[in-house]
N, C-alpha and C. Protein backbone atom coordinates (compact mmCIF):
# COMPACT_ATOMS: atom_id res chain seq x y z
N MET A 1 -62.93 153.27 33.40
CA MET A 1 -62.58 153.42 34.81
C MET A 1 -63.09 152.22 35.60
N LYS A 2 -62.34 151.87 36.62
CA LYS A 2 -62.74 150.82 37.54
C LYS A 2 -62.87 151.41 38.94
N ILE A 3 -63.99 151.10 39.61
CA ILE A 3 -64.22 151.56 40.97
C ILE A 3 -64.50 150.36 41.85
N ASP A 4 -63.66 150.15 42.85
CA ASP A 4 -63.86 149.10 43.84
C ASP A 4 -64.24 149.75 45.15
N ILE A 5 -65.38 149.35 45.71
CA ILE A 5 -65.87 149.92 46.96
C ILE A 5 -65.82 148.84 48.04
N LEU A 6 -65.07 149.11 49.10
CA LEU A 6 -64.92 148.17 50.21
C LEU A 6 -65.92 148.52 51.31
N THR A 7 -66.72 147.54 51.70
CA THR A 7 -67.82 147.81 52.63
C THR A 7 -68.12 146.59 53.47
N LEU A 8 -68.79 146.80 54.59
CA LEU A 8 -69.30 145.70 55.41
C LEU A 8 -70.74 145.37 55.05
N PHE A 9 -71.36 146.19 54.19
CA PHE A 9 -72.78 146.02 53.86
C PHE A 9 -72.99 146.10 52.35
N PRO A 10 -72.56 145.09 51.61
CA PRO A 10 -72.62 145.13 50.15
C PRO A 10 -74.03 145.23 49.57
N ASN A 11 -75.03 144.73 50.28
CA ASN A 11 -76.39 144.77 49.74
C ASN A 11 -76.92 146.19 49.60
N MET A 12 -76.29 147.15 50.29
CA MET A 12 -76.74 148.54 50.18
C MET A 12 -76.55 149.07 48.76
N PHE A 13 -75.72 148.42 47.95
CA PHE A 13 -75.37 148.94 46.63
C PHE A 13 -76.18 148.30 45.50
N ASP A 14 -77.11 147.41 45.82
CA ASP A 14 -77.84 146.70 44.77
C ASP A 14 -78.55 147.65 43.81
N GLY A 15 -79.32 148.56 44.34
CA GLY A 15 -80.05 149.50 43.49
C GLY A 15 -79.15 150.50 42.80
N PHE A 16 -78.06 150.86 43.46
CA PHE A 16 -77.14 151.85 42.90
C PHE A 16 -76.59 151.41 41.55
N LYS A 17 -76.28 150.14 41.40
CA LYS A 17 -75.66 149.64 40.18
C LYS A 17 -76.67 149.27 39.09
N THR A 18 -77.95 149.22 39.42
CA THR A 18 -78.92 148.67 38.48
C THR A 18 -79.98 149.67 38.03
N GLU A 19 -79.74 150.95 38.23
CA GLU A 19 -80.71 151.96 37.86
C GLU A 19 -80.05 153.10 37.09
N SER A 20 -80.82 153.71 36.19
CA SER A 20 -80.53 155.00 35.58
C SER A 20 -79.17 155.08 34.90
N ILE A 21 -78.50 156.21 35.06
CA ILE A 21 -77.26 156.51 34.34
C ILE A 21 -76.14 155.55 34.73
N ILE A 22 -76.06 155.17 35.99
CA ILE A 22 -75.00 154.26 36.43
C ILE A 22 -75.15 152.91 35.73
N LYS A 23 -76.35 152.40 35.66
CA LYS A 23 -76.60 151.14 34.96
C LYS A 23 -76.17 151.23 33.51
N ARG A 24 -76.55 152.32 32.83
CA ARG A 24 -76.20 152.47 31.42
C ARG A 24 -74.69 152.61 31.23
N ALA A 25 -74.03 153.30 32.14
CA ALA A 25 -72.57 153.46 32.05
C ALA A 25 -71.87 152.11 32.17
N ILE A 26 -72.38 151.26 33.05
CA ILE A 26 -71.82 149.91 33.19
C ILE A 26 -72.06 149.10 31.93
N GLU A 27 -73.28 149.15 31.41
CA GLU A 27 -73.62 148.39 30.21
C GLU A 27 -72.82 148.84 28.99
N LYS A 28 -72.49 150.13 28.93
CA LYS A 28 -71.71 150.66 27.80
C LYS A 28 -70.21 150.45 27.98
N GLY A 29 -69.81 149.89 29.10
CA GLY A 29 -68.41 149.62 29.34
C GLY A 29 -67.60 150.84 29.74
N LYS A 30 -68.28 151.91 30.18
CA LYS A 30 -67.57 153.12 30.60
C LYS A 30 -66.98 152.99 32.00
N VAL A 31 -67.60 152.13 32.81
CA VAL A 31 -67.11 151.95 34.18
C VAL A 31 -67.39 150.52 34.62
N GLU A 32 -66.51 150.03 35.45
CA GLU A 32 -66.69 148.74 36.13
C GLU A 32 -66.75 149.02 37.62
N ILE A 33 -67.82 148.57 38.27
CA ILE A 33 -67.98 148.80 39.70
C ILE A 33 -68.02 147.45 40.42
N ASN A 34 -67.13 147.29 41.36
CA ASN A 34 -67.10 146.07 42.17
C ASN A 34 -67.35 146.42 43.63
N ILE A 35 -68.28 145.72 44.24
CA ILE A 35 -68.59 145.91 45.65
C ILE A 35 -67.94 144.77 46.42
N ILE A 36 -67.00 145.10 47.27
CA ILE A 36 -66.16 144.10 47.94
C ILE A 36 -66.51 144.05 49.42
N ASP A 37 -66.88 142.85 49.88
CA ASP A 37 -67.26 142.65 51.28
C ASP A 37 -65.99 142.45 52.11
N ILE A 38 -65.72 143.38 52.98
CA ILE A 38 -64.51 143.32 53.82
C ILE A 38 -64.50 142.06 54.69
N ARG A 39 -65.69 141.56 55.04
CA ARG A 39 -65.75 140.38 55.89
C ARG A 39 -65.09 139.16 55.24
N ASN A 40 -65.04 139.15 53.92
CA ASN A 40 -64.43 138.01 53.22
C ASN A 40 -62.92 137.96 53.39
N TYR A 41 -62.34 139.01 53.97
CA TYR A 41 -60.88 139.10 54.08
C TYR A 41 -60.39 139.06 55.53
N THR A 42 -61.28 138.75 56.45
CA THR A 42 -60.85 138.70 57.85
C THR A 42 -60.26 137.34 58.19
N PRO A 43 -59.18 137.31 58.97
CA PRO A 43 -58.61 136.05 59.42
C PRO A 43 -59.24 135.54 60.71
N TYR A 44 -60.19 136.29 61.25
CA TYR A 44 -60.77 135.96 62.54
C TYR A 44 -62.03 135.11 62.40
N LYS A 45 -62.36 134.41 63.44
CA LYS A 45 -63.53 133.54 63.44
C LYS A 45 -64.81 134.36 63.35
N ASN A 46 -65.84 133.71 62.83
CA ASN A 46 -67.18 134.29 62.75
C ASN A 46 -67.21 135.60 61.95
N ASN A 47 -66.27 135.73 60.99
CA ASN A 47 -66.21 136.91 60.13
C ASN A 47 -66.05 138.21 60.91
N GLN A 48 -65.35 138.16 62.03
CA GLN A 48 -65.19 139.35 62.86
C GLN A 48 -64.38 140.42 62.13
N VAL A 49 -64.88 141.65 62.15
CA VAL A 49 -64.19 142.78 61.51
C VAL A 49 -64.04 143.98 62.44
N ASP A 50 -64.56 143.87 63.67
CA ASP A 50 -64.50 145.00 64.59
C ASP A 50 -64.24 144.50 66.00
N ASP A 51 -63.78 145.41 66.86
CA ASP A 51 -63.51 145.03 68.25
C ASP A 51 -63.49 146.29 69.11
N TYR A 52 -63.43 146.08 70.43
CA TYR A 52 -63.37 147.22 71.35
C TYR A 52 -62.03 147.94 71.20
N GLN A 53 -62.03 149.22 71.48
CA GLN A 53 -60.81 150.01 71.33
C GLN A 53 -59.92 149.93 72.56
N PHE A 54 -58.62 149.91 72.31
CA PHE A 54 -57.66 149.96 73.41
C PHE A 54 -57.80 151.30 74.14
N GLY A 55 -57.69 151.24 75.46
CA GLY A 55 -57.79 152.46 76.25
C GLY A 55 -59.18 152.78 76.70
N GLY A 56 -60.15 151.97 76.22
CA GLY A 56 -61.53 152.20 76.62
C GLY A 56 -62.23 153.22 75.74
N GLY A 57 -63.52 153.28 75.85
CA GLY A 57 -64.31 154.20 75.04
C GLY A 57 -65.48 153.48 74.41
N GLY A 58 -66.47 154.25 74.02
CA GLY A 58 -67.69 153.67 73.46
C GLY A 58 -67.54 153.26 72.01
N GLY A 59 -68.31 152.24 71.63
CA GLY A 59 -68.39 151.85 70.24
C GLY A 59 -67.30 150.87 69.83
N MET A 60 -67.59 150.19 68.71
CA MET A 60 -66.67 149.22 68.15
C MET A 60 -65.84 149.86 67.03
N ILE A 61 -64.60 149.37 66.87
CA ILE A 61 -63.66 149.93 65.90
C ILE A 61 -63.39 148.91 64.80
N MET A 62 -63.37 149.36 63.55
CA MET A 62 -63.02 148.47 62.45
C MET A 62 -61.56 148.06 62.56
N MET A 63 -61.31 146.78 62.49
CA MET A 63 -59.97 146.23 62.65
C MET A 63 -59.15 146.46 61.37
N CYS A 64 -57.85 146.62 61.55
CA CYS A 64 -57.02 146.96 60.39
C CYS A 64 -56.74 145.77 59.48
N GLU A 65 -56.60 144.58 60.03
CA GLU A 65 -56.14 143.45 59.21
C GLU A 65 -57.11 143.10 58.07
N PRO A 66 -58.44 143.01 58.30
CA PRO A 66 -59.33 142.72 57.17
C PRO A 66 -59.27 143.78 56.07
N VAL A 67 -59.15 145.04 56.46
CA VAL A 67 -59.12 146.11 55.47
C VAL A 67 -57.81 146.07 54.68
N PHE A 68 -56.70 145.86 55.35
CA PHE A 68 -55.42 145.73 54.66
C PHE A 68 -55.46 144.57 53.67
N ASN A 69 -56.00 143.44 54.10
CA ASN A 69 -56.07 142.28 53.22
C ASN A 69 -56.91 142.57 51.98
N ALA A 70 -58.03 143.24 52.18
CA ALA A 70 -58.92 143.54 51.06
C ALA A 70 -58.27 144.50 50.07
N VAL A 71 -57.67 145.56 50.57
CA VAL A 71 -57.03 146.54 49.68
C VAL A 71 -55.86 145.91 48.93
N GLU A 72 -55.04 145.18 49.63
CA GLU A 72 -53.84 144.60 49.00
C GLU A 72 -54.19 143.54 47.97
N SER A 73 -55.38 142.96 48.05
CA SER A 73 -55.79 141.95 47.08
C SER A 73 -56.19 142.55 45.74
N ILE A 74 -56.47 143.85 45.71
CA ILE A 74 -56.96 144.47 44.47
C ILE A 74 -56.11 145.66 44.01
N LYS A 75 -55.23 146.15 44.85
CA LYS A 75 -54.49 147.36 44.51
C LYS A 75 -53.43 147.09 43.45
N THR A 76 -53.32 148.04 42.50
CA THR A 76 -52.29 147.99 41.47
C THR A 76 -51.58 149.34 41.43
N ASP A 77 -50.65 149.48 40.51
CA ASP A 77 -49.94 150.75 40.36
C ASP A 77 -50.87 151.88 39.91
N ASP A 78 -52.01 151.52 39.33
CA ASP A 78 -52.96 152.53 38.84
C ASP A 78 -54.00 152.93 39.89
N SER A 79 -53.95 152.32 41.06
CA SER A 79 -55.00 152.54 42.05
C SER A 79 -54.81 153.85 42.82
N HIS A 80 -55.95 154.47 43.13
CA HIS A 80 -55.99 155.66 43.99
C HIS A 80 -56.95 155.32 45.11
N VAL A 81 -56.43 155.26 46.34
CA VAL A 81 -57.22 154.78 47.48
C VAL A 81 -57.80 155.95 48.26
N ILE A 82 -59.10 155.91 48.47
CA ILE A 82 -59.83 156.97 49.18
C ILE A 82 -60.49 156.39 50.41
N ILE A 83 -60.36 157.08 51.52
CA ILE A 83 -61.11 156.73 52.73
C ILE A 83 -62.17 157.80 52.97
N MET A 84 -63.41 157.36 53.15
CA MET A 84 -64.47 158.27 53.52
C MET A 84 -64.35 158.56 55.02
N SER A 85 -64.10 159.82 55.35
CA SER A 85 -63.82 160.15 56.74
C SER A 85 -64.11 161.63 57.02
N PRO A 86 -64.61 161.95 58.22
CA PRO A 86 -64.83 163.36 58.57
C PRO A 86 -63.55 164.19 58.56
N ARG A 87 -62.38 163.55 58.66
CA ARG A 87 -61.13 164.31 58.66
C ARG A 87 -60.71 164.73 57.25
N GLY A 88 -61.42 164.25 56.23
CA GLY A 88 -61.06 164.59 54.86
C GLY A 88 -61.51 165.98 54.47
N LYS A 89 -60.96 166.48 53.37
CA LYS A 89 -61.42 167.76 52.82
C LYS A 89 -62.82 167.57 52.23
N THR A 90 -63.62 168.64 52.30
CA THR A 90 -65.00 168.55 51.84
C THR A 90 -65.05 168.39 50.32
N TYR A 91 -65.82 167.45 49.88
CA TYR A 91 -65.93 167.11 48.46
C TYR A 91 -66.62 168.22 47.68
N ASN A 92 -66.19 168.40 46.43
CA ASN A 92 -66.83 169.39 45.55
C ASN A 92 -66.67 168.96 44.10
N GLN A 93 -67.23 169.75 43.20
CA GLN A 93 -67.24 169.40 41.77
C GLN A 93 -65.83 169.38 41.19
N SER A 94 -64.97 170.24 41.67
CA SER A 94 -63.59 170.25 41.21
C SER A 94 -62.89 168.93 41.53
N LYS A 95 -63.14 168.40 42.72
CA LYS A 95 -62.55 167.12 43.09
C LYS A 95 -63.13 165.99 42.25
N ALA A 96 -64.42 166.07 41.95
CA ALA A 96 -65.04 165.05 41.09
C ALA A 96 -64.33 165.00 39.73
N LYS A 97 -64.07 166.16 39.14
CA LYS A 97 -63.36 166.20 37.87
C LYS A 97 -61.95 165.65 37.99
N GLU A 98 -61.29 165.97 39.09
CA GLU A 98 -59.93 165.47 39.32
C GLU A 98 -59.91 163.95 39.38
N LEU A 99 -60.90 163.35 40.03
CA LEU A 99 -60.93 161.90 40.19
C LEU A 99 -61.16 161.16 38.89
N THR A 100 -61.71 161.83 37.88
CA THR A 100 -61.90 161.16 36.59
C THR A 100 -60.58 160.83 35.91
N SER A 101 -59.50 161.41 36.37
CA SER A 101 -58.20 161.17 35.74
C SER A 101 -57.58 159.84 36.16
N TYR A 102 -58.15 159.19 37.18
CA TYR A 102 -57.59 157.93 37.65
C TYR A 102 -58.25 156.75 36.94
N LYS A 103 -57.47 155.73 36.68
CA LYS A 103 -57.99 154.51 36.04
C LYS A 103 -58.71 153.62 37.05
N HIS A 104 -58.29 153.68 38.30
CA HIS A 104 -58.82 152.76 39.31
C HIS A 104 -58.97 153.48 40.65
N LEU A 105 -60.20 153.57 41.12
CA LEU A 105 -60.48 154.13 42.43
C LEU A 105 -60.84 153.01 43.40
N ILE A 106 -60.24 153.04 44.56
CA ILE A 106 -60.61 152.15 45.66
C ILE A 106 -61.17 153.02 46.77
N ILE A 107 -62.44 152.81 47.13
CA ILE A 107 -63.09 153.62 48.15
C ILE A 107 -63.39 152.74 49.35
N ILE A 108 -62.88 153.14 50.51
CA ILE A 108 -63.07 152.38 51.74
C ILE A 108 -64.15 153.03 52.58
N CYS A 109 -65.19 152.26 52.89
CA CYS A 109 -66.32 152.78 53.67
C CYS A 109 -66.13 152.41 55.15
N GLY A 110 -66.14 153.40 55.99
CA GLY A 110 -66.07 153.16 57.42
C GLY A 110 -67.42 152.77 57.98
N HIS A 111 -67.42 152.32 59.21
CA HIS A 111 -68.67 152.01 59.90
C HIS A 111 -68.36 151.94 61.40
N TYR A 112 -69.41 151.78 62.18
CA TYR A 112 -69.27 151.72 63.63
C TYR A 112 -68.65 153.02 64.16
N GLU A 113 -67.73 152.89 65.13
CA GLU A 113 -67.17 154.08 65.78
C GLU A 113 -66.00 154.67 65.02
N GLY A 114 -65.50 153.96 64.02
CA GLY A 114 -64.40 154.50 63.23
C GLY A 114 -63.40 153.44 62.84
N PHE A 115 -62.30 153.89 62.22
CA PHE A 115 -61.23 153.01 61.76
C PHE A 115 -60.13 152.88 62.82
N ASP A 116 -59.52 151.70 62.89
CA ASP A 116 -58.21 151.60 63.51
C ASP A 116 -57.31 152.60 62.78
N GLU A 117 -56.59 153.42 63.51
CA GLU A 117 -55.81 154.51 62.93
C GLU A 117 -54.85 154.03 61.85
N ARG A 118 -54.37 152.81 61.95
CA ARG A 118 -53.40 152.29 60.98
C ARG A 118 -53.99 152.12 59.58
N ILE A 119 -55.31 152.05 59.49
CA ILE A 119 -55.95 151.93 58.17
C ILE A 119 -55.71 153.17 57.33
N TYR A 120 -55.55 154.32 57.98
CA TYR A 120 -55.32 155.55 57.22
C TYR A 120 -54.02 155.51 56.42
N SER A 121 -53.10 154.64 56.81
CA SER A 121 -51.84 154.55 56.07
C SER A 121 -52.04 153.98 54.67
N LEU A 122 -53.20 153.37 54.42
CA LEU A 122 -53.50 152.83 53.10
C LEU A 122 -53.95 153.91 52.11
N ALA A 123 -54.41 155.02 52.64
CA ALA A 123 -55.12 156.00 51.81
C ALA A 123 -54.19 156.97 51.10
N ASP A 124 -54.54 157.27 49.85
CA ASP A 124 -53.91 158.38 49.14
C ASP A 124 -54.55 159.70 49.53
N GLU A 125 -55.82 159.64 49.93
CA GLU A 125 -56.49 160.84 50.44
C GLU A 125 -57.75 160.44 51.20
N CYS A 126 -58.19 161.34 52.06
CA CYS A 126 -59.46 161.20 52.76
C CYS A 126 -60.44 162.23 52.20
N ILE A 127 -61.70 161.84 52.13
CA ILE A 127 -62.73 162.75 51.61
C ILE A 127 -63.92 162.75 52.56
N SER A 128 -64.45 163.94 52.81
CA SER A 128 -65.68 164.12 53.57
C SER A 128 -66.73 164.74 52.66
N ILE A 129 -67.99 164.39 52.87
CA ILE A 129 -69.05 165.03 52.08
C ILE A 129 -69.73 166.16 52.84
N GLY A 130 -69.27 166.45 54.05
CA GLY A 130 -69.86 167.56 54.78
C GLY A 130 -69.67 167.42 56.28
N ASN A 131 -70.01 168.46 56.99
CA ASN A 131 -69.81 168.50 58.43
C ASN A 131 -70.99 167.89 59.18
N PHE A 132 -71.20 166.60 58.93
CA PHE A 132 -72.23 165.85 59.63
C PHE A 132 -71.80 164.39 59.62
N ILE A 133 -72.41 163.58 60.49
CA ILE A 133 -72.01 162.20 60.67
C ILE A 133 -73.12 161.27 60.19
N LEU A 134 -72.72 160.25 59.41
CA LEU A 134 -73.63 159.19 58.99
C LEU A 134 -73.23 157.89 59.67
N THR A 135 -74.06 156.87 59.53
CA THR A 135 -73.75 155.59 60.17
C THR A 135 -72.62 154.86 59.46
N GLY A 136 -72.31 155.23 58.25
CA GLY A 136 -71.22 154.58 57.53
C GLY A 136 -70.88 155.33 56.26
N GLY A 137 -69.86 154.85 55.57
CA GLY A 137 -69.38 155.52 54.36
C GLY A 137 -70.04 155.05 53.09
N GLU A 138 -71.05 154.18 53.19
CA GLU A 138 -71.66 153.63 51.98
C GLU A 138 -72.37 154.69 51.14
N LEU A 139 -73.23 155.48 51.75
CA LEU A 139 -73.92 156.52 51.00
C LEU A 139 -72.95 157.54 50.40
N PRO A 140 -71.96 158.05 51.17
CA PRO A 140 -70.98 158.95 50.56
C PRO A 140 -70.21 158.33 49.41
N SER A 141 -69.90 157.04 49.49
CA SER A 141 -69.16 156.40 48.40
C SER A 141 -70.01 156.34 47.13
N MET A 142 -71.32 156.15 47.28
CA MET A 142 -72.21 156.18 46.13
C MET A 142 -72.26 157.58 45.52
N MET A 143 -72.31 158.59 46.37
CA MET A 143 -72.36 159.96 45.89
C MET A 143 -71.11 160.31 45.09
N ILE A 144 -69.96 159.94 45.62
CA ILE A 144 -68.72 160.22 44.91
C ILE A 144 -68.66 159.45 43.60
N SER A 145 -69.00 158.17 43.63
CA SER A 145 -68.98 157.37 42.41
C SER A 145 -69.91 157.95 41.35
N ASP A 146 -71.11 158.32 41.75
CA ASP A 146 -72.08 158.91 40.81
C ASP A 146 -71.53 160.19 40.20
N SER A 147 -70.98 161.06 41.03
CA SER A 147 -70.51 162.36 40.54
C SER A 147 -69.33 162.21 39.58
N VAL A 148 -68.52 161.17 39.76
CA VAL A 148 -67.38 160.93 38.89
C VAL A 148 -67.82 160.24 37.59
N ILE A 149 -68.65 159.23 37.71
CA ILE A 149 -69.06 158.44 36.54
C ILE A 149 -69.76 159.31 35.51
N ARG A 150 -70.62 160.21 35.96
CA ARG A 150 -71.38 161.02 35.00
C ARG A 150 -70.49 161.98 34.22
N LEU A 151 -69.25 162.20 34.70
CA LEU A 151 -68.32 163.07 34.00
C LEU A 151 -67.45 162.32 32.99
N LEU A 152 -67.49 161.00 33.01
CA LEU A 152 -66.68 160.22 32.08
C LEU A 152 -67.19 160.40 30.65
N ASP A 153 -66.27 160.42 29.70
CA ASP A 153 -66.63 160.61 28.29
C ASP A 153 -67.65 159.57 27.85
N GLY A 154 -68.74 160.05 27.26
CA GLY A 154 -69.73 159.16 26.69
C GLY A 154 -70.82 158.70 27.62
N VAL A 155 -70.74 159.08 28.91
CA VAL A 155 -71.78 158.66 29.84
C VAL A 155 -73.03 159.51 29.67
N ILE A 156 -72.88 160.83 29.64
CA ILE A 156 -73.96 161.74 29.27
C ILE A 156 -73.42 162.74 28.27
N THR A 157 -74.29 163.48 27.63
CA THR A 157 -73.86 164.37 26.55
C THR A 157 -73.06 165.56 27.08
N ASP A 158 -72.15 166.05 26.25
CA ASP A 158 -71.34 167.21 26.64
C ASP A 158 -72.19 168.44 26.89
N THR A 159 -73.27 168.59 26.12
CA THR A 159 -74.12 169.77 26.31
C THR A 159 -74.82 169.76 27.65
N SER A 160 -75.10 168.57 28.18
CA SER A 160 -75.72 168.47 29.51
C SER A 160 -74.77 168.92 30.61
N LEU A 161 -73.47 168.76 30.36
CA LEU A 161 -72.46 169.11 31.36
C LEU A 161 -72.03 170.57 31.29
N GLU A 162 -72.24 171.21 30.14
CA GLU A 162 -71.61 172.51 29.88
C GLU A 162 -71.99 173.58 30.89
N TYR A 163 -73.27 173.69 31.23
CA TYR A 163 -73.72 174.77 32.11
C TYR A 163 -74.26 174.25 33.44
N GLU A 164 -73.70 173.18 33.93
CA GLU A 164 -74.17 172.64 35.20
C GLU A 164 -73.80 173.54 36.37
N SER A 165 -74.51 173.32 37.46
CA SER A 165 -74.18 174.04 38.69
C SER A 165 -72.73 173.74 39.09
N PHE A 166 -72.09 174.80 39.62
CA PHE A 166 -70.72 174.78 40.13
C PHE A 166 -69.66 174.92 39.05
N ASN A 167 -70.04 174.85 37.77
CA ASN A 167 -69.07 175.22 36.74
C ASN A 167 -68.85 176.73 36.87
N ASP A 168 -67.61 177.17 36.87
CA ASP A 168 -67.27 178.58 37.02
C ASP A 168 -67.81 179.18 38.32
N ASN A 169 -68.02 178.33 39.34
CA ASN A 169 -68.55 178.79 40.63
C ASN A 169 -69.93 179.44 40.51
N LEU A 170 -70.70 179.00 39.54
CA LEU A 170 -72.06 179.50 39.37
C LEU A 170 -73.04 178.33 39.39
N LEU A 171 -74.26 178.58 39.86
CA LEU A 171 -75.32 177.59 39.78
C LEU A 171 -75.90 177.55 38.37
N ASP A 172 -76.69 176.52 38.11
CA ASP A 172 -77.28 176.36 36.78
C ASP A 172 -78.40 177.38 36.56
N TYR A 173 -78.67 177.64 35.28
CA TYR A 173 -79.77 178.55 34.95
C TYR A 173 -81.12 177.84 35.08
N PRO A 174 -82.23 178.58 35.20
CA PRO A 174 -83.55 177.96 35.32
C PRO A 174 -83.98 177.33 34.00
N VAL A 175 -84.69 176.21 34.09
CA VAL A 175 -85.16 175.52 32.88
C VAL A 175 -86.67 175.32 32.96
N TYR A 176 -87.29 175.22 31.79
CA TYR A 176 -88.74 175.09 31.70
C TYR A 176 -89.10 174.07 30.62
N THR A 177 -90.30 173.49 30.74
CA THR A 177 -90.86 172.66 29.68
C THR A 177 -92.38 172.87 29.66
N LYS A 178 -93.11 172.06 28.93
CA LYS A 178 -94.57 172.24 28.81
C LYS A 178 -95.24 172.14 30.16
N PRO A 179 -96.34 172.92 30.36
CA PRO A 179 -96.96 173.87 29.45
C PRO A 179 -96.30 175.26 29.55
N ARG A 180 -96.54 176.12 28.57
CA ARG A 180 -95.93 177.45 28.58
C ARG A 180 -96.49 178.34 29.68
N GLU A 181 -97.73 178.04 30.10
CA GLU A 181 -98.32 178.79 31.21
C GLU A 181 -98.95 177.80 32.17
N PHE A 182 -98.66 177.97 33.47
CA PHE A 182 -99.21 177.07 34.48
C PHE A 182 -99.53 177.87 35.72
N ARG A 183 -100.83 177.96 36.03
CA ARG A 183 -101.31 178.66 37.22
C ARG A 183 -100.75 180.08 37.31
N GLY A 184 -100.75 180.74 36.19
CA GLY A 184 -100.29 182.13 36.15
C GLY A 184 -98.80 182.30 36.01
N MET A 185 -98.05 181.21 36.03
CA MET A 185 -96.59 181.28 35.88
C MET A 185 -96.22 180.92 34.44
N GLU A 186 -95.58 181.88 33.76
CA GLU A 186 -95.29 181.72 32.34
C GLU A 186 -93.80 181.48 32.09
N VAL A 187 -93.54 180.74 31.02
CA VAL A 187 -92.16 180.57 30.56
C VAL A 187 -91.66 181.91 30.03
N PRO A 188 -90.45 182.33 30.42
CA PRO A 188 -89.92 183.60 29.89
C PRO A 188 -89.94 183.63 28.37
N GLU A 189 -90.40 184.75 27.83
CA GLU A 189 -90.61 184.88 26.38
C GLU A 189 -89.33 184.64 25.60
N VAL A 190 -88.20 185.02 26.17
CA VAL A 190 -86.93 184.88 25.44
C VAL A 190 -86.63 183.43 25.10
N LEU A 191 -87.09 182.49 25.93
CA LEU A 191 -86.78 181.08 25.72
C LEU A 191 -87.56 180.47 24.56
N VAL A 192 -88.62 181.13 24.13
CA VAL A 192 -89.40 180.64 22.98
C VAL A 192 -89.25 181.57 21.79
N SER A 193 -88.30 182.48 21.86
CA SER A 193 -88.12 183.48 20.80
C SER A 193 -87.36 182.92 19.59
N GLY A 194 -86.56 181.89 19.81
CA GLY A 194 -85.74 181.37 18.72
C GLY A 194 -84.44 182.13 18.53
N ASP A 195 -84.23 183.17 19.31
CA ASP A 195 -83.00 183.97 19.21
C ASP A 195 -81.96 183.38 20.17
N HIS A 196 -81.06 182.57 19.66
CA HIS A 196 -80.14 181.83 20.52
C HIS A 196 -79.12 182.73 21.21
N LYS A 197 -78.78 183.83 20.58
CA LYS A 197 -77.86 184.78 21.22
C LYS A 197 -78.50 185.35 22.48
N LYS A 198 -79.75 185.79 22.35
CA LYS A 198 -80.44 186.34 23.51
C LYS A 198 -80.72 185.27 24.57
N ILE A 199 -80.99 184.05 24.13
CA ILE A 199 -81.22 182.96 25.07
C ILE A 199 -79.97 182.70 25.90
N ASN A 200 -78.81 182.67 25.23
CA ASN A 200 -77.56 182.45 25.94
C ASN A 200 -77.26 183.58 26.91
N GLU A 201 -77.52 184.81 26.50
CA GLU A 201 -77.30 185.96 27.38
C GLU A 201 -78.23 185.89 28.59
N TYR A 202 -79.50 185.52 28.34
CA TYR A 202 -80.46 185.39 29.44
C TYR A 202 -80.01 184.32 30.44
N ARG A 203 -79.60 183.18 29.91
CA ARG A 203 -79.20 182.09 30.79
C ARG A 203 -77.97 182.45 31.63
N GLU A 204 -77.02 183.13 31.03
CA GLU A 204 -75.82 183.51 31.77
C GLU A 204 -76.17 184.51 32.88
N SER A 205 -77.02 185.47 32.56
CA SER A 205 -77.41 186.45 33.58
C SER A 205 -78.21 185.79 34.70
N GLU A 206 -79.01 184.79 34.35
CA GLU A 206 -79.78 184.08 35.36
C GLU A 206 -78.89 183.23 36.26
N ARG A 207 -77.83 182.67 35.71
CA ARG A 207 -76.87 181.92 36.54
C ARG A 207 -76.30 182.82 37.63
N ILE A 208 -75.94 184.03 37.24
CA ILE A 208 -75.38 184.97 38.21
C ILE A 208 -76.44 185.37 39.24
N ARG A 209 -77.66 185.67 38.76
CA ARG A 209 -78.73 186.08 39.68
C ARG A 209 -79.04 184.98 40.69
N ILE A 210 -79.18 183.75 40.23
CA ILE A 210 -79.54 182.64 41.12
C ILE A 210 -78.42 182.35 42.11
N THR A 211 -77.18 182.45 41.65
CA THR A 211 -76.05 182.23 42.55
C THR A 211 -76.00 183.29 43.63
N LYS A 212 -76.24 184.54 43.27
CA LYS A 212 -76.27 185.62 44.25
C LYS A 212 -77.38 185.38 45.28
N GLU A 213 -78.53 184.89 44.81
CA GLU A 213 -79.68 184.72 45.69
C GLU A 213 -79.54 183.52 46.62
N TYR A 214 -79.04 182.40 46.09
CA TYR A 214 -79.04 181.17 46.86
C TYR A 214 -77.67 180.77 47.42
N ARG A 215 -76.60 181.08 46.71
CA ARG A 215 -75.26 180.63 47.14
C ARG A 215 -74.24 181.74 46.88
N SER A 216 -74.40 182.86 47.51
CA SER A 216 -73.49 183.98 47.31
C SER A 216 -72.07 183.65 47.72
N ASP A 217 -71.92 182.63 48.58
CA ASP A 217 -70.58 182.22 49.00
C ASP A 217 -69.74 181.73 47.83
N LEU A 218 -70.38 181.19 46.80
CA LEU A 218 -69.65 180.71 45.62
C LEU A 218 -68.99 181.86 44.88
N LEU A 219 -69.60 183.02 44.90
CA LEU A 219 -69.05 184.16 44.17
C LEU A 219 -67.78 184.68 44.84
N ASP A 220 -67.62 184.40 46.13
CA ASP A 220 -66.39 184.81 46.82
C ASP A 220 -65.17 184.08 46.30
N ASN A 221 -65.43 182.92 45.63
CA ASN A 221 -64.32 182.13 45.10
C ASN A 221 -63.94 182.51 43.68
């Protein structure tokens, strides 16, 4: 998979590409991530990419021409263009799985007061990560990229993915490691019993219990 992220602040992504699972996925050739500075595509002096909005109003607006130039320089028939925007549908694990089917994702990060409306014509879809506002789309674009990359074949083990939170609309089961007893809190006996049938039954029942306790809204789905 190839992921191109269009941004006004490329340095925000330095650590994202050079740590942990994302770094290993790049090194293994599972994903190619390119951070593209929109300022490099502006026809205006002094790398201008924003201006005041017609009709008046507070804040600066991202201009359409630099963004169009940047997208058109990299877009192919395999590209799926995403705009990070509050008007998008709220992101979830199902959407993350859906995005793994694309060979090339182009993610456009907004900033300032918003996009020139014409930029939306570039998008195949808009995505929001929740009902709150950030200073830009850089952090959401990292979240989406991370959630998609870890689902690609060979990035992490299949067993790690099998019982993750949100699979089947359930949260993950509780996990434990050493020591077996800590400050009066003990590891459930079933987990050290060696009986894998009972362990699986325990874990499944715990997924339901935890979902009911913390995210009962998921069970409505």
